[in-house]
PDB file of N, CA and C in Angstrom:
ATOM      1  N   MET A   1      -3.905  -8.494 -11.198  1.00  0.00           N
ATOM      2  CA  MET A   1      -4.898  -6.886 -10.869  1.00  0.00           C
ATOM      3  C   MET A   1      -4.752  -7.128  -9.414  1.00  0.00           C
ATOM      4  N   ILE A   2      -4.459  -6.001  -8.909  1.00  0.00           N
ATOM      5  CA  ILE A   2      -4.455  -5.308  -7.349  1.00  0.00           C
ATOM      6  C   ILE A   2      -5.965  -5.597  -7.074  1.00  0.00           C
ATOM      7  N   GLU A   3      -6.815  -6.173  -5.902  1.00  0.00           N
ATOM      8  CA  GLU A   3      -7.868  -6.544  -5.827  1.00  0.00           C
ATOM      9  C   GLU A   3      -8.113  -5.533  -4.447  1.00  0.00           C
ATOM     10  N   THR A   4      -7.521  -5.772  -3.222  1.00  0.00           N
ATOM     11  CA  THR A   4      -7.430  -5.063  -2.380  1.00  0.00           C
ATOM     12  C   THR A   4      -6.197  -4.337  -1.560  1.00  0.00           C
ATOM     13  N   ILE A   5      -6.169  -3.715  -0.690  1.00  0.00           N
ATOM     14  CA  ILE A   5      -5.196  -2.702  -0.757  1.00  0.00           C
ATOM     15  C   ILE A   5      -5.717  -2.454   0.733  1.00  0.00           C
ATOM     16  N   HIS A   6      -4.750  -2.558   1.829  1.00  0.00           N
ATOM     17  CA  HIS A   6      -4.941  -2.378   3.258  1.00  0.00           C
ATOM     18  C   HIS A   6      -3.754  -1.590   3.763  1.00  0.00           C
ATOM     19  N   VAL A   7      -4.136  -0.214   4.208  1.00  0.00           N
ATOM     20  CA  VAL A   7      -2.936   0.573   4.627  1.00  0.00           C
ATOM     21  C   VAL A   7      -3.401   0.774   6.343  1.00  0.00           C
ATOM     22  N   LYS A   8      -2.075   0.752   7.231  1.00  0.00           N
ATOM     23  CA  LYS A   8      -2.383   1.002   8.454  1.00  0.00           C
ATOM     24  C   LYS A   8      -1.124   2.280   8.860  1.00  0.00           C
ATOM     25  N   ASN A   9      -1.489   3.004   9.423  1.00  0.00           N
ATOM     26  CA  ASN A   9      -0.824   3.875  10.103  1.00  0.00           C
ATOM     27  C   ASN A   9       0.636   4.367   9.146  1.00  0.00           C
ATOM     28  N   PHE A  10       0.526   4.848   7.977  1.00  0.00           N
ATOM     29  CA  PHE A  10       1.178   5.418   6.995  1.00  0.00           C
ATOM     30  C   PHE A  10       0.598   6.839   6.552  1.00  0.00           C
ATOM     31  N   LYS A  11       1.171   7.494   7.048  1.00  0.00           N
ATOM     32  CA  LYS A  11       0.931   8.934   6.824  1.00  0.00           C
ATOM     33  C   LYS A  11       0.222   9.356   7.517  1.00  0.00           C
ATOM     34  N   SER A  12      -1.038   9.972   6.779  1.00  0.00           N
ATOM     35  CA  SER A  12      -2.728  10.229   7.285  1.00  0.00           C
ATOM     36  C   SER A  12      -3.323   9.018   7.284  1.00  0.00           C
ATOM     37  N   ILE A  13      -2.939   7.980   6.984  1.00  0.00           N
ATOM     38  CA  ILE A  13      -4.129   6.338   6.670  1.00  0.00           C
ATOM     39  C   ILE A  13      -3.914   6.003   8.242  1.00  0.00           C
ATOM     40  N   ILE A  14      -4.684   5.954   9.004  1.00  0.00           N
ATOM     41  CA  ILE A  14      -4.914   5.212  10.066  1.00  0.00           C
ATOM     42  C   ILE A  14      -5.263   4.069  10.024  1.00  0.00           C
ATOM     43  N   ASP A  15      -6.105   3.685   9.516  1.00  0.00           N
ATOM     44  CA  ASP A  15      -6.487   2.319   8.895  1.00  0.00           C
ATOM     45  C   ASP A  15      -7.530   2.185   8.190  1.00  0.00           C
ATOM     46  N   ASP A  16      -7.386   1.733   6.592  1.00  0.00           N
ATOM     47  CA  ASP A  16      -8.275   1.717   5.617  1.00  0.00           C
ATOM     48  C   ASP A  16      -7.909   0.604   4.928  1.00  0.00           C
ATOM     49  N   ASN A  17      -9.057  -0.226   4.171  1.00  0.00           N
ATOM     50  CA  ASN A  17      -8.965  -1.105   3.150  1.00  0.00           C
ATOM     51  C   ASN A  17      -9.801  -0.680   1.971  1.00  0.00           C
ATOM     52  N   ILE A  18      -9.162  -1.037   1.220  1.00  0.00           N
ATOM     53  CA  ILE A  18      -9.657  -0.090  -0.296  1.00  0.00           C
ATOM     54  C   ILE A  18      -9.832  -1.690  -1.134  1.00  0.00           C
ATOM     55  N   LYS A  19     -11.079  -1.834  -1.816  1.00  0.00           N
ATOM     56  CA  LYS A  19     -11.203  -2.656  -2.838  1.00  0.00           C
ATOM     57  C   LYS A  19     -11.392  -1.955  -4.250  1.00  0.00           C
ATOM     58  N   LEU A  20     -10.557  -2.668  -4.951  1.00  0.00           N
ATOM     59  CA  LEU A  20     -10.287  -2.358  -6.630  1.00  0.00           C
ATOM     60  C   LEU A  20     -11.020  -3.385  -7.546  1.00  0.00           C
ATOM     61  N   LYS A  21     -11.480  -2.090  -8.457  1.00  0.00           N
ATOM     62  CA  LYS A  21     -12.443  -2.995  -9.663  1.00  0.00           C
ATOM     63  C   LYS A  21     -11.278  -2.429 -10.812  1.00  0.00           C
ATOM     64  N   GLY A  22     -11.681  -2.801 -12.097  1.00  0.00           N
ATOM     65  CA  GLY A  22     -10.864  -2.913 -13.171  1.00  0.00           C
ATOM     66  C   GLY A  22     -10.744  -1.173 -13.415  1.00  0.00           C
ATOM     67  N   LEU A  23     -11.618  -0.473 -13.137  1.00  0.00           N
ATOM     68  CA  LEU A  23     -11.515   1.118 -13.350  1.00  0.00           C
ATOM     69  C   LEU A  23     -11.897   1.247 -11.956  1.00  0.00           C
ATOM     70  N   THR A  24     -11.038   1.986 -11.120  1.00  0.00           N
ATOM     71  CA  THR A  24     -10.873   2.485  -9.675  1.00  0.00           C
ATOM     72  C   THR A  24     -10.518   4.297 -10.021  1.00  0.00           C
ATOM     73  N   VAL A  25     -11.685   5.282  -9.444  1.00  0.00           N
ATOM     74  CA  VAL A  25     -11.214   6.567  -9.301  1.00  0.00           C
ATOM     75  C   VAL A  25     -11.199   6.733  -7.826  1.00  0.00           C
ATOM     76  N   ILE A  26      -9.909   7.410  -7.584  1.00  0.00           N
ATOM     77  CA  ILE A  26      -9.799   7.801  -6.420  1.00  0.00           C
ATOM     78  C   ILE A  26     -10.535   9.529  -5.964  1.00  0.00           C
ATOM     79  N   ILE A  27     -11.261   9.761  -5.275  1.00  0.00           N
ATOM     80  CA  ILE A  27     -11.834  11.196  -5.350  1.00  0.00           C
ATOM     81  C   ILE A  27     -12.291  11.126  -3.861  1.00  0.00           C
ATOM     82  N   GLY A  28     -12.338  12.525  -3.603  1.00  0.00           N
ATOM     83  CA  GLY A  28     -12.230  13.003  -1.634  1.00  0.00           C
ATOM     84  C   GLY A  28     -12.099  14.159  -1.946  1.00  0.00           C
ATOM     85  N   PRO A  29     -12.400  15.159  -0.627  1.00  0.00           N
ATOM     86  CA  PRO A  29     -12.115  16.229  -0.275  1.00  0.00           C
ATOM     87  C   PRO A  29     -10.574  16.454  -0.136  1.00  0.00           C
ATOM     88  N   ASN A  30      -9.786  17.756  -0.112  1.00  0.00           N
ATOM     89  CA  ASN A  30      -8.900  17.801  -0.001  1.00  0.00           C
ATOM     90  C   ASN A  30      -8.229  17.716   1.870  1.00  0.00           C
ATOM     91  N   GLY A  31      -7.205  16.827   1.470  1.00  0.00           N
ATOM     92  CA  GLY A  31      -6.879  16.168   3.230  1.00  0.00           C
ATOM     93  C   GLY A  31      -7.515  14.902   3.354  1.00  0.00           C
ATOM     94  N   SER A  32      -7.916  14.453   2.300  1.00  0.00           N
ATOM     95  CA  SER A  32      -8.808  13.074   2.491  1.00  0.00           C
ATOM     96  C   SER A  32      -8.114  11.740   2.572  1.00  0.00           C
ATOM     97  N   GLY A  33      -6.733  11.878   2.039  1.00  0.00           N
ATOM     98  CA  GLY A  33      -5.675  11.003   2.019  1.00  0.00           C
ATOM     99  C   GLY A  33      -5.487  10.404   0.614  1.00  0.00           C
ATOM    100  N   LYS A  34      -5.687  10.616  -0.580  1.00  0.00           N
ATOM    101  CA  LYS A  34      -5.789  10.485  -1.735  1.00  0.00           C
ATOM    102  C   LYS A  34      -4.077   9.901  -2.160  1.00  0.00           C
ATOM    103  N   SER A  35      -3.512  11.408  -1.719  1.00  0.00           N
ATOM    104  CA  SER A  35      -2.129  11.128  -2.179  1.00  0.00           C
ATOM    105  C   SER A  35      -1.423  10.588  -1.557  1.00  0.00           C
ATOM    106  N   ASN A  36      -1.859  10.133  -0.061  1.00  0.00           N
ATOM    107  CA  ASN A  36      -1.322   9.324   0.787  1.00  0.00           C
ATOM    108  C   ASN A  36      -1.875   7.505   0.205  1.00  0.00           C
ATOM    109  N   LEU A  37      -2.454   7.533   0.206  1.00  0.00           N
ATOM    110  CA  LEU A  37      -2.919   6.378  -0.628  1.00  0.00           C
ATOM    111  C   LEU A  37      -1.548   5.758  -1.796  1.00  0.00           C
ATOM    112  N   ILE A  38      -1.687   6.873  -2.923  1.00  0.00           N
ATOM    113  CA  ILE A  38      -0.702   6.569  -3.926  1.00  0.00           C
ATOM    114  C   ILE A  38       0.670   6.506  -3.456  1.00  0.00           C
ATOM    115  N   LYS A  39       0.967   7.272  -2.384  1.00  0.00           N
ATOM    116  CA  LYS A  39       2.231   7.436  -1.872  1.00  0.00           C
ATOM    117  C   LYS A  39       2.568   6.124  -1.233  1.00  0.00           C
ATOM    118  N   ALA A  40       1.434   5.168  -0.578  1.00  0.00           N
ATOM    119  CA  ALA A  40       1.668   3.755   0.463  1.00  0.00           C
ATOM    120  C   ALA A  40       1.800   2.653  -0.678  1.00  0.00           C
ATOM    121  N   LEU A  41       1.434   2.986  -2.247  1.00  0.00           N
ATOM    122  CA  LEU A  41       1.532   2.010  -2.815  1.00  0.00           C
ATOM    123  C   LEU A  41       3.121   2.376  -3.692  1.00  0.00           C
ATOM    124  N   ASP A  42       3.492   3.408  -3.430  1.00  0.00           N
ATOM    125  CA  ASP A  42       4.930   4.293  -4.160  1.00  0.00           C
ATOM    126  C   ASP A  42       6.138   3.386  -3.129  1.00  0.00           C
ATOM    127  N   PHE A  43       5.556   3.223  -1.573  1.00  0.00           N
ATOM    128  CA  PHE A  43       6.466   3.214  -0.571  1.00  0.00           C
ATOM    129  C   PHE A  43       6.659   1.530  -0.518  1.00  0.00           C
ATOM    130  N   LEU A  44       5.706   0.679  -1.278  1.00  0.00           N
ATOM    131  CA  LEU A  44       5.949  -0.514  -1.342  1.00  0.00           C
ATOM    132  C   LEU A  44       6.490  -0.851  -2.572  1.00  0.00           C
ATOM    133  N   ALA A  45       6.199  -0.210  -3.669  1.00  0.00           N
ATOM    134  CA  ALA A  45       7.173  -0.628  -4.845  1.00  0.00           C
ATOM    135  C   ALA A  45       8.751  -0.507  -4.535  1.00  0.00           C
ATOM    136  N   THR A  46       8.909   0.985  -3.567  1.00  0.00           N
ATOM    137  CA  THR A  46      10.376   1.080  -3.359  1.00  0.00           C
ATOM    138  C   THR A  46      10.688  -0.058  -2.923  1.00  0.00           C
ATOM    139  N   ILE A  47       9.869  -0.657  -1.752  1.00  0.00           N
ATOM    140  CA  ILE A  47      10.580  -1.590  -0.915  1.00  0.00           C
ATOM    141  C   ILE A  47      10.819  -2.849  -1.856  1.00  0.00           C
ATOM    142  N   LEU A  48      10.315  -3.220  -2.794  1.00  0.00           N
ATOM    143  CA  LEU A  48      10.001  -4.104  -3.504  1.00  0.00           C
ATOM    144  C   LEU A  48      11.326  -4.252  -4.516  1.00  0.00           C
ATOM    145  N   ASN A  49      11.264  -2.809  -5.393  1.00  0.00           N
ATOM    146  CA  ASN A  49      12.477  -2.677  -6.268  1.00  0.00           C
ATOM    147  C   ASN A  49      13.809  -2.688  -5.492  1.00  0.00           C
ATOM    148  N   ASN A  50      14.196  -1.918  -4.144  1.00  0.00           N
ATOM    149  CA  ASN A  50      15.465  -1.634  -3.790  1.00  0.00           C
ATOM    150  C   ASN A  50      15.337  -2.272  -2.169  1.00  0.00           C
ATOM    151  N   ASN A  51      14.810  -1.427  -1.303  1.00  0.00           N
ATOM    152  CA  ASN A  51      14.974  -2.412   0.238  1.00  0.00           C
ATOM    153  C   ASN A  51      14.271  -1.320   0.998  1.00  0.00           C
ATOM    154  N   THR A  52      13.935  -1.728   2.201  1.00  0.00           N
ATOM    155  CA  THR A  52      13.113  -0.925   3.144  1.00  0.00           C
ATOM    156  C   THR A  52      13.991   0.484   3.619  1.00  0.00           C
ATOM    157  N   VAL A  53      15.307   0.344   3.599  1.00  0.00           N
ATOM    158  CA  VAL A  53      15.918   1.610   4.166  1.00  0.00           C
ATOM    159  C   VAL A  53      15.544   2.917   2.972  1.00  0.00           C
ATOM    160  N   ALA A  54      15.755   2.164   1.536  1.00  0.00           N
ATOM    161  CA  ALA A  54      15.635   3.300   0.508  1.00  0.00           C
ATOM    162  C   ALA A  54      14.260   4.177   0.442  1.00  0.00           C
ATOM    163  N   ALA A  55      13.063   3.017   1.075  1.00  0.00           N
ATOM    164  CA  ALA A  55      11.596   3.489   1.177  1.00  0.00           C
ATOM    165  C   ALA A  55      11.451   4.621   2.267  1.00  0.00           C
ATOM    166  N   VAL A  56      12.171   3.993   3.428  1.00  0.00           N
ATOM    167  CA  VAL A  56      11.941   4.819   4.769  1.00  0.00           C
ATOM    168  C   VAL A  56      12.460   6.433   4.240  1.00  0.00           C
ATOM    169  N   ASN A  57      13.939   6.232   3.688  1.00  0.00           N
ATOM    170  CA  ASN A  57      14.627   7.625   3.562  1.00  0.00           C
ATOM    171  C   ASN A  57      13.693   8.225   2.105  1.00  0.00           C
ATOM    172  N   LYS A  58      12.867   7.577   1.288  1.00  0.00           N
ATOM    173  CA  LYS A  58      12.554   8.570   0.470  1.00  0.00           C
ATOM    174  C   LYS A  58      11.560   9.258   0.945  1.00  0.00           C
ATOM    175  N   TYR A  59      10.987   8.542   2.038  1.00  0.00           N
ATOM    176  CA  TYR A  59       9.726   9.498   2.650  1.00  0.00           C
ATOM    177  C   TYR A  59      10.175  10.433   3.767  1.00  0.00           C
ATOM    178  N   GLY A  60      11.562  10.355   3.847  1.00  0.00           N
ATOM    179  CA  GLY A  60      11.781  11.373   5.046  1.00  0.00           C
ATOM    180  C   GLY A  60      12.208  10.620   6.324  1.00  0.00           C
ATOM    181  N   GLY A  61      12.519   9.496   6.556  1.00  0.00           N
ATOM    182  CA  GLY A  61      12.365   8.987   7.791  1.00  0.00           C
ATOM    183  C   GLY A  61      11.311   8.373   8.485  1.00  0.00           C
ATOM    184  N   PHE A  62      11.255   7.936   9.610  1.00  0.00           N
ATOM    185  CA  PHE A  62      10.065   7.314  10.245  1.00  0.00           C
ATOM    186  C   PHE A  62       9.501   8.433  10.258  1.00  0.00           C
ATOM    187  N   THR A  63       9.736   9.756  11.105  1.00  0.00           N
ATOM    188  CA  THR A  63       8.625  10.747  11.253  1.00  0.00           C
ATOM    189  C   THR A  63       7.790  11.199  10.079  1.00  0.00           C
ATOM    190  N   GLY A  64       8.357  11.141   8.596  1.00  0.00           N
ATOM    191  CA  GLY A  64       8.171  11.340   7.558  1.00  0.00           C
ATOM    192  C   GLY A  64       6.431  10.248   7.524  1.00  0.00           C
ATOM    193  N   ILE A  65       6.801   8.844   7.957  1.00  0.00           N
ATOM    194  CA  ILE A  65       5.678   8.026   7.491  1.00  0.00           C
ATOM    195  C   ILE A  65       4.928   7.761   8.584  1.00  0.00           C
ATOM    196  N   VAL A  66       5.053   7.734   9.557  1.00  0.00           N
ATOM    197  CA  VAL A  66       3.933   7.374  11.248  1.00  0.00           C
ATOM    198  C   VAL A  66       3.055   8.626  10.977  1.00  0.00           C
ATOM    199  N   PRO A  67       1.805   7.860  11.142  1.00  0.00           N
ATOM    200  CA  PRO A  67       0.958   9.277  11.207  1.00  0.00           C
ATOM    201  C   PRO A  67       1.120  10.419  12.269  1.00  0.00           C
ATOM    202  N   LYS A  68       0.764  11.880  12.240  1.00  0.00           N
ATOM    203  CA  LYS A  68       1.441  12.363  13.666  1.00  0.00           C
ATOM    204  C   LYS A  68       0.462  12.214  14.475  1.00  0.00           C
ATOM    205  N   ALA A  69      -0.606  11.602  14.326  1.00  0.00           N
ATOM    206  CA  ALA A  69      -2.047  11.286  15.307  1.00  0.00           C
ATOM    207  C   ALA A  69      -1.140  10.029  16.419  1.00  0.00           C
ATOM    208  N   ILE A  70      -0.557   9.375  15.899  1.00  0.00           N
ATOM    209  CA  ILE A  70       0.400   8.564  16.767  1.00  0.00           C
ATOM    210  C   ILE A  70       1.091   8.618  17.636  1.00  0.00           C
ATOM    211  N   GLN A  71       0.883   8.563  19.132  1.00  0.00           N
ATOM    212  CA  GLN A  71       2.016   9.110  20.139  1.00  0.00           C
ATOM    213  C   GLN A  71       3.234   8.441  19.872  1.00  0.00           C
ATOM    214  N   THR A  72       3.242   7.404  19.499  1.00  0.00           N
ATOM    215  CA  THR A  72       4.756   7.070  19.674  1.00  0.00           C
ATOM    216  C   THR A  72       5.368   6.850  17.956  1.00  0.00           C
ATOM    217  N   LYS A  73       6.275   7.066  17.597  1.00  0.00           N
ATOM    218  CA  LYS A  73       6.948   6.716  15.753  1.00  0.00           C
ATOM    219  C   LYS A  73       7.738   5.584  16.214  1.00  0.00           C
ATOM    220  N   ASP A  74       7.125   4.580  16.355  1.00  0.00           N
ATOM    221  CA  ASP A  74       7.433   3.281  16.488  1.00  0.00           C
ATOM    222  C   ASP A  74       7.140   2.489  15.097  1.00  0.00           C
ATOM    223  N   PHE A  75       8.157   2.573  14.094  1.00  0.00           N
ATOM    224  CA  PHE A  75       7.907   2.287  12.655  1.00  0.00           C
ATOM    225  C   PHE A  75       7.148   0.952  12.088  1.00  0.00           C
ATOM    226  N   ARG A  76       7.295   0.103  13.474  1.00  0.00           N
ATOM    227  CA  ARG A  76       6.720  -1.333  13.333  1.00  0.00           C
ATOM    228  C   ARG A  76       5.568  -1.336  12.888  1.00  0.00           C
ATOM    229  N   LYS A  77       4.144  -0.297  13.416  1.00  0.00           N
ATOM    230  CA  LYS A  77       3.123  -0.119  13.488  1.00  0.00           C
ATOM    231  C   LYS A  77       2.507   0.012  11.630  1.00  0.00           C
ATOM    232  N   THR A  78       3.688   0.508  11.028  1.00  0.00           N
ATOM    233  CA  THR A  78       2.904   0.695  10.077  1.00  0.00           C
ATOM    234  C   THR A  78       3.097  -0.352   8.801  1.00  0.00           C
ATOM    235  N   GLN A  79       1.664  -0.571   8.318  1.00  0.00           N
ATOM    236  CA  GLN A  79       1.781  -1.307   7.717  1.00  0.00           C
ATOM    237  C   GLN A  79       1.165  -1.823   6.129  1.00  0.00           C
ATOM    238  N   ILE A  80       1.381  -2.167   5.077  1.00  0.00           N
ATOM    239  CA  ILE A  80       0.691  -1.858   3.648  1.00  0.00           C
ATOM    240  C   ILE A  80       0.731  -3.468   3.452  1.00  0.00           C
ATOM    241  N   GLU A  81      -0.266  -3.597   2.938  1.00  0.00           N
ATOM    242  CA  GLU A  81      -0.773  -5.060   2.019  1.00  0.00           C
ATOM    243  C   GLU A  81      -1.473  -5.077   0.943  1.00  0.00           C
ATOM    244  N   PHE A  82      -1.594  -5.904   0.248  1.00  0.00           N
ATOM    245  CA  PHE A  82      -2.049  -5.827  -0.648  1.00  0.00           C
ATOM    246  C   PHE A  82      -2.308  -7.174  -1.331  1.00  0.00           C
ATOM    247  N   GLU A  83      -3.745  -7.657  -2.078  1.00  0.00           N
ATOM    248  CA  GLU A  83      -4.185  -8.968  -2.401  1.00  0.00           C
ATOM    249  C   GLU A  83      -4.342  -8.763  -3.960  1.00  0.00           C
ATOM    250  N   TYR A  84      -3.917  -9.518  -4.731  1.00  0.00           N
ATOM    251  CA  TYR A  84      -3.833  -9.494  -6.198  1.00  0.00           C
ATOM    252  C   TYR A  84      -4.505 -11.147  -7.031  1.00  0.00           C
ATOM    253  N   ILE A  85      -4.925 -11.014  -8.073  1.00  0.00           N
ATOM    254  CA  ILE A  85      -5.385 -12.132  -9.024  1.00  0.00           C
ATOM    255  C   ILE A  85      -4.446 -12.231 -10.024  1.00  0.00           C
ATOM    256  N   THR A  86      -3.801 -13.077 -10.392  1.00  0.00           N
ATOM    257  CA  THR A  86      -2.710 -13.198 -11.412  1.00  0.00           C
ATOM    258  C   THR A  86      -3.805 -14.295 -12.408  1.00  0.00           C
ATOM    259  N   GLN A  87      -2.939 -14.061 -13.516  1.00  0.00           N
ATOM    260  CA  GLN A  87      -3.819 -15.169 -14.554  1.00  0.00           C
ATOM    261  C   GLN A  87      -2.743 -16.055 -15.306  1.00  0.00           C
ATOM    262  N   SER A  88      -2.582 -17.231 -14.934  1.00  0.00           N
ATOM    263  CA  SER A  88      -1.497 -18.025 -15.442  1.00  0.00           C
ATOM    264  C   SER A  88      -2.006 -18.190 -17.021  1.00  0.00           C
ATOM    265  N   SER A  89      -1.298 -17.982 -18.110  1.00  0.00           N
ATOM    266  CA  SER A  89      -1.817 -18.846 -19.323  1.00  0.00           C
ATOM    267  C   SER A  89      -1.412 -20.391 -19.542  1.00  0.00           C
ATOM    268  N   CYS A  90      -2.477 -20.754 -19.739  1.00  0.00           N
ATOM    269  CA  CYS A  90      -2.140 -22.601 -19.917  1.00  0.00           C
ATOM    270  C   CYS A  90      -3.048 -22.756 -21.559  1.00  0.00           C
ATOM    271  N   PHE A  91      -2.428 -23.622 -22.128  1.00  0.00           N
ATOM    272  CA  PHE A  91      -2.879 -24.074 -23.713  1.00  0.00           C
ATOM    273  C   PHE A  91      -4.456 -24.199 -23.518  1.00  0.00           C
ATOM    274  N   ALA A  92      -5.011 -24.663 -22.492  1.00  0.00           N
ATOM    275  CA  ALA A  92      -6.740 -24.723 -22.016  1.00  0.00           C
ATOM    276  C   ALA A  92      -7.474 -23.590 -21.877  1.00  0.00           C
ATOM    277  N   GLY A  93      -6.472 -22.743 -21.071  1.00  0.00           N
ATOM    278  CA  GLY A  93      -7.383 -21.425 -21.048  1.00  0.00           C
ATOM    279  C   GLY A  93      -6.437 -20.987 -19.819  1.00  0.00           C
ATOM    280  N   GLY A  94      -7.090 -19.668 -18.954  1.00  0.00           N
ATOM    281  CA  GLY A  94      -6.322 -19.276 -18.081  1.00  0.00           C
ATOM    282  C   GLY A  94      -6.985 -19.851 -16.336  1.00  0.00           C
ATOM    283  N   THR A  95      -6.206 -19.899 -15.513  1.00  0.00           N
ATOM    284  CA  THR A  95      -6.388 -20.335 -14.304  1.00  0.00           C
ATOM    285  C   THR A  95      -6.223 -19.015 -13.850  1.00  0.00           C
ATOM    286  N   GLY A  96      -6.663 -18.890 -12.604  1.00  0.00           N
ATOM    287  CA  GLY A  96      -6.564 -17.722 -11.691  1.00  0.00           C
ATOM    288  C   GLY A  96      -5.906 -18.161 -10.121  1.00  0.00           C
ATOM    289  N   GLY A  97      -5.051 -17.432  -9.788  1.00  0.00           N
ATOM    290  CA  GLY A  97      -5.118 -17.664  -8.372  1.00  0.00           C
ATOM    291  C   GLY A  97      -4.782 -16.858  -7.603  1.00  0.00           C
ATOM    292  N   LEU A  98      -5.653 -16.638  -5.816  1.00  0.00           N
ATOM    293  CA  LEU A  98      -5.103 -15.382  -5.469  1.00  0.00           C
ATOM    294  C   LEU A  98      -4.058 -15.653  -4.873  1.00  0.00           C
ATOM    295  N   ARG A  99      -3.184 -14.277  -4.778  1.00  0.00           N
ATOM    296  CA  ARG A  99      -1.989 -13.845  -4.176  1.00  0.00           C
ATOM    297  C   ARG A  99      -2.652 -13.057  -2.975  1.00  0.00           C
ATOM    298  N   ARG A 100      -1.464 -12.955  -1.811  1.00  0.00           N
ATOM    299  CA  ARG A 100      -1.245 -11.739  -1.057  1.00  0.00           C
ATOM    300  C   ARG A 100       0.082 -11.492  -0.917  1.00  0.00           C
ATOM    301  N   GLY A 101       0.502 -10.189  -0.526  1.00  0.00           N
ATOM    302  CA  GLY A 101       1.994  -9.681  -0.667  1.00  0.00           C
ATOM    303  C   GLY A 101       1.489  -8.231   0.232  1.00  0.00           C
ATOM    304  N   GLY A 102       2.608  -8.227   0.892  1.00  0.00           N
ATOM    305  CA  GLY A 102       2.536  -6.786   1.469  1.00  0.00           C
ATOM    306  C   GLY A 102       3.886  -6.828   2.123  1.00  0.00           C
ATOM    307  N   TRP A 103       4.011  -5.740   3.456  1.00  0.00           N
ATOM    308  CA  TRP A 103       5.344  -5.100   3.894  1.00  0.00           C
ATOM    309  C   TRP A 103       4.425  -4.990   5.437  1.00  0.00           C
ATOM    310  N   LEU A 104       5.491  -5.381   6.427  1.00  0.00           N
ATOM    311  CA  LEU A 104       4.964  -5.281   7.656  1.00  0.00           C
ATOM    312  C   LEU A 104       5.847  -4.195   8.218  1.00  0.00           C
TER     313      LEU A 104
END
């Protein structure tokens, strides 16, 4: 289960950490970044399932990813990270481990 998501300089999200629980509901006014949070996860999934070029192209190139508020269009400033807990099944029960993943 993903526990934490950190998104930096992706579309309208300048720098945000989101902690998730078993059921997380994302609410907020129009234009607050709800859809861009989902797009950040999709962007990361596209990188993991394909490659970075496919993910960048899917979102319209560098200018479609880096926030308009940032003066430079330096793509290297975009960052998406996540932390998740894994449950490995053992005969005596489950053991958990914290894992980190992401894309810089």
